[in-house]
Protein backbone atom coordinates (compact mmCIF):
# COMPACT_ATOMS: atom_id res chain seq x y z
CA MET A 1 37.24 -134.66 56.24
CA GLY A 2 37.58 -133.71 52.52
CA LEU A 3 34.58 -132.43 50.54
CA PHE A 4 34.24 -135.50 48.37
CA ASP A 5 34.88 -138.10 50.96
CA ILE A 6 31.11 -138.99 50.78
CA PHE A 7 31.89 -140.90 47.68
CA SER A 8 34.06 -143.40 49.72
CA ASN A 9 36.70 -143.58 47.09
CA LYS A 10 40.32 -142.44 47.25
CA LYS A 11 40.37 -141.52 43.72
CA ALA A 12 37.91 -138.54 44.63
CA ASP A 13 40.53 -136.97 46.62
CA GLU A 14 41.90 -135.23 43.57
CA LEU A 15 38.98 -133.07 43.69
CA ASN A 16 39.14 -131.88 47.40
CA GLY A 17 41.92 -129.46 46.67
CA SER A 18 40.24 -127.99 43.65
CA PHE A 19 36.89 -127.57 45.19
CA ASP A 20 38.47 -126.17 48.45
CA ASN A 21 40.42 -123.62 46.30
CA LEU A 22 37.19 -122.60 44.40
CA LEU A 23 35.39 -121.78 47.80
CA ASP A 24 38.61 -119.89 48.78
CA ILE A 25 38.40 -117.81 45.63
CA ILE A 26 34.53 -116.95 46.25
CA ASP A 27 35.43 -115.87 49.66
CA LYS A 28 38.30 -113.59 48.34
CA SER A 29 35.96 -112.30 45.70
CA LEU A 30 33.38 -111.25 48.09
CA GLU A 31 36.09 -109.29 50.08
CA VAL A 32 37.25 -107.58 46.81
CA PHE A 33 33.55 -106.73 46.05
CA ARG A 34 33.05 -105.18 49.42
CA ASP A 35 36.26 -103.34 49.13
CA GLY A 36 35.58 -102.22 45.50
CA VAL A 37 32.26 -100.84 46.27
CA LYS A 38 33.61 -99.03 49.45
CA ASN A 39 36.50 -97.44 47.30
CA TYR A 40 34.17 -96.31 44.52
CA LEU A 41 31.83 -94.71 47.10
CA TYR A 42 34.64 -92.84 48.87
CA ASN A 43 36.61 -91.95 45.82
CA ASP A 44 39.56 -94.18 46.33
CA THR A 45 40.27 -94.41 42.54
CA GLU A 46 43.72 -96.16 42.84
CA GLN A 47 42.50 -98.83 45.23
CA PHE A 48 39.28 -99.29 43.26
CA HIS A 49 41.33 -100.12 40.11
CA ALA A 50 43.33 -102.45 42.31
CA ASN A 51 40.16 -104.15 43.12
CA LEU A 52 39.21 -104.51 39.40
CA SER A 53 42.65 -105.97 38.72
CA SER A 54 42.33 -108.37 41.64
CA MET A 55 38.87 -109.34 40.57
CA ALA A 56 40.13 -110.05 37.10
CA SER A 57 42.67 -112.39 38.28
CA LEU A 58 40.39 -114.21 40.62
CA GLU A 59 37.81 -114.67 37.77
CA THR A 60 40.35 -116.25 35.44
CA GLU A 61 41.60 -118.56 38.43
CA ALA A 62 37.90 -119.62 39.15
CA GLY A 63 37.36 -120.42 35.49
CA THR A 64 40.28 -122.69 35.24
CA LEU A 65 39.47 -124.46 38.54
CA ILE A 66 35.74 -125.02 37.31
CA LYS A 67 36.92 -126.42 34.11
CA GLU A 68 39.26 -128.86 36.06
CA ILE A 69 36.41 -130.07 38.27
CA GLU A 70 34.00 -130.36 35.54
CA SER A 71 36.54 -132.41 33.50
CA THR A 72 37.07 -134.76 36.51
CA LEU A 73 33.38 -135.11 37.01
CA TYR A 74 33.03 -136.18 33.39
CA THR A 75 35.92 -138.56 33.29
CA LYS A 76 35.49 -140.41 36.64
CA GLY A 77 32.62 -142.96 36.48
CA TYR A 78 32.45 -143.22 40.34
CA LEU A 79 30.90 -139.70 40.44
CA ILE A 80 28.04 -140.29 37.99
CA ARG A 81 25.15 -140.43 40.67
CA SER A 82 26.15 -136.82 41.89
CA ARG A 83 27.74 -135.49 38.72
CA GLY A 84 24.50 -133.38 37.59
CA ASP A 85 23.97 -131.87 41.10
CA ILE A 86 27.60 -130.78 41.46
CA MET A 87 27.64 -129.39 38.07
CA ARG A 88 24.61 -127.36 38.89
CA LEU A 89 26.34 -126.22 42.08
CA LEU A 90 29.42 -125.22 40.11
CA GLU A 91 27.47 -123.28 37.65
CA ARG A 92 25.75 -121.15 40.34
CA PHE A 93 29.17 -120.45 42.12
CA ASP A 94 30.43 -119.41 38.45
CA HIS A 95 27.38 -117.03 38.20
CA ILE A 96 28.54 -115.42 41.57
CA ILE A 97 31.94 -114.77 40.17
CA THR A 98 30.42 -113.21 36.98
CA ILE A 99 27.87 -110.90 38.96
CA ILE A 100 30.80 -109.72 41.22
CA SER A 101 33.00 -108.98 38.22
CA THR A 102 30.23 -107.41 36.11
CA ASP A 103 29.19 -105.15 38.93
CA LEU A 104 32.51 -103.81 39.66
CA ILE A 105 33.12 -103.19 36.01
CA GLN A 106 29.81 -101.39 35.54
CA PHE A 107 30.73 -99.03 38.37
CA GLU A 108 33.95 -98.20 36.40
CA ILE A 109 32.15 -97.83 33.01
CA GLU A 110 29.03 -95.90 34.04
CA ASN A 111 30.41 -93.96 36.91
CA PRO A 112 27.30 -93.51 38.85
CA ASN A 113 26.76 -90.39 40.98
CA ILE A 114 25.98 -91.87 44.51
CA PRO A 115 24.43 -88.86 46.71
CA VAL A 116 26.30 -88.66 49.84
CA PRO A 117 23.07 -89.72 52.02
CA LEU A 118 23.07 -92.99 50.19
CA LYS A 119 26.62 -93.92 50.34
CA LYS A 120 26.39 -95.71 53.71
CA GLU A 121 23.18 -97.51 52.35
CA PHE A 122 24.91 -98.69 49.21
CA LEU A 123 27.78 -99.94 51.39
CA LYS A 124 25.57 -101.82 53.82
CA LEU A 125 23.65 -103.43 50.77
CA SER A 126 27.14 -104.67 49.48
CA GLU A 127 27.82 -106.14 52.86
CA LEU A 128 24.52 -107.90 53.29
CA THR A 129 24.60 -109.44 49.70
CA SER A 130 28.09 -110.54 50.36
CA LEU A 131 26.92 -112.14 53.72
CA ALA A 132 24.30 -113.98 51.71
CA VAL A 133 26.78 -115.52 49.44
CA GLU A 134 29.44 -116.01 52.23
CA SER A 135 27.06 -118.11 54.15
CA CYS A 136 26.79 -120.48 51.25
CA ILE A 137 30.39 -121.55 51.69
CA PRO A 138 29.84 -123.43 54.95
CA GLY A 139 26.65 -124.50 53.60
CA THR A 140 28.46 -126.33 50.61
CA LYS A 141 30.90 -127.84 53.12
CA SER A 142 28.15 -129.07 55.16
CA TYR A 143 26.44 -130.77 52.35
CA PHE A 144 29.69 -132.88 51.64
CA ASP A 145 30.56 -133.50 55.25
CA SER A 146 27.32 -133.46 57.14
CA PRO A 147 24.32 -132.88 55.11
CA GLN A 148 21.98 -132.96 58.03
CA ASN A 149 23.41 -129.44 58.91
CA VAL A 150 22.73 -127.80 55.52
CA SER A 151 19.42 -126.31 56.60
CA GLU A 152 20.94 -124.52 59.45
CA THR A 153 23.37 -122.77 56.92
CA THR A 154 20.79 -122.09 54.29
CA ASP A 155 18.58 -120.36 56.76
CA ARG A 156 21.28 -117.72 57.21
CA VAL A 157 21.64 -117.35 53.57
CA TYR A 158 17.81 -116.52 53.30
CA PHE A 159 18.03 -114.27 56.12
CA TYR A 160 20.77 -112.13 54.58
CA GLU A 161 18.94 -112.23 51.18
CA LYS A 162 15.73 -110.98 52.75
CA GLU A 163 17.55 -108.11 54.63
CA ALA A 164 19.35 -107.14 51.29
CA VAL A 165 16.05 -107.04 49.28
CA LYS A 166 14.44 -104.84 51.98
CA LEU A 167 17.39 -102.50 51.99
CA SER A 168 17.55 -102.22 48.27
CA GLN A 169 13.78 -101.49 48.12
CA SER A 170 14.36 -98.76 50.81
CA ILE A 171 17.19 -97.32 48.71
CA LYS A 172 14.88 -97.25 45.60
CA LYS A 173 12.05 -95.71 47.53
CA THR A 174 14.28 -93.03 48.97
CA VAL A 175 15.48 -92.15 45.52
CA PHE A 176 12.02 -91.82 43.91
CA HIS A 177 10.22 -90.43 46.77
CA GLU A 178 12.53 -88.21 48.76
CA MET A 179 15.25 -87.08 46.29
CA ASP A 180 13.46 -84.37 44.29
CA ASN A 181 16.64 -82.76 43.31
CA LEU A 182 17.65 -85.63 41.12
CA LYS A 183 16.74 -85.96 37.45
CA LEU A 184 14.57 -89.02 36.41
CA SER A 185 17.59 -90.45 34.51
CA GLU A 186 19.76 -90.14 37.75
CA LYS A 187 17.01 -91.95 39.75
CA PHE A 188 16.94 -94.92 37.15
CA HIS A 189 20.63 -95.03 37.38
CA LEU A 190 20.66 -95.39 41.12
CA ARG A 191 17.78 -98.06 40.89
CA TYR A 192 19.92 -100.03 38.27
CA PHE A 193 22.93 -100.24 40.75
CA ALA A 194 20.80 -100.98 43.84
CA LEU A 195 19.04 -103.83 41.75
CA HIS A 196 22.24 -105.30 40.37
CA ILE A 197 23.96 -105.41 43.96
CA GLU A 198 20.85 -106.92 45.20
CA ASP A 199 20.98 -109.69 42.50
CA LEU A 200 24.20 -111.10 44.32
CA ALA A 201 22.06 -112.01 47.30
CA LYS A 202 19.38 -113.63 45.03
CA ALA A 203 22.18 -115.66 43.24
CA GLY A 204 23.41 -116.86 46.80
CA ALA A 205 19.74 -117.96 47.59
CA LYS A 206 19.75 -120.03 44.39
CA ILE A 207 22.91 -121.76 45.71
CA ALA A 208 21.02 -122.36 49.08
CA GLU A 209 18.19 -123.81 47.03
CA GLN A 210 20.38 -126.11 45.14
CA LEU A 211 22.12 -127.26 48.38
CA SER A 212 18.74 -128.02 49.96
CA VAL A 213 17.66 -130.24 47.01
CA MET A 214 21.10 -132.06 47.08
CA ALA A 215 20.83 -132.50 50.89
CA ILE A 216 17.31 -134.12 50.43
CA LYS A 217 18.37 -136.50 47.72
CA ARG A 218 21.31 -137.73 50.03
CA SER A 219 18.90 -138.30 52.59
CA LEU A 220 16.80 -140.55 50.62
């Protein structure tokens, strides 16, 4: 069943491919993000720059698809009842792409020195935040295909977000309470990167919140 079959209108089929492709780009972007953080942490400069290049291409592709979907939403009157909710959902996915791209670029620009004892922690944090967003993908499909199942998928989003926040706080606590060899400026730098990786999980939770509201509306 296509994502937009809920509108019971064959004209809506043109949106199916674009929206499916957007979700595929989100999935690929999360993979690039995880690989990018790993390659940065373990000094694989060549692969890290390949990640940056891949992310730039994905960001451009996502922007084009989002504009196409928005144009269709505004020009097709049969979608008017759900237009606002879908637009807000698109904005939240667009924000995900922006966070991933910005975070990877900031690693390149600021070149933070991640202490060896924290490398695995930062890598795990990137995986948890990615899982929070990744769980939004089946959640989105559930909304369009079987909205009664949205809560099952959003619960996973909230779980991974909570775990990501806990780990981020643990990293920050370790930096400020146990790493006396670091300068205060270095501690702030590490806190900054932990916080911005954590923001990806919070953005995933925003998508889950939006999906929950949309599912409730469909049940009324």
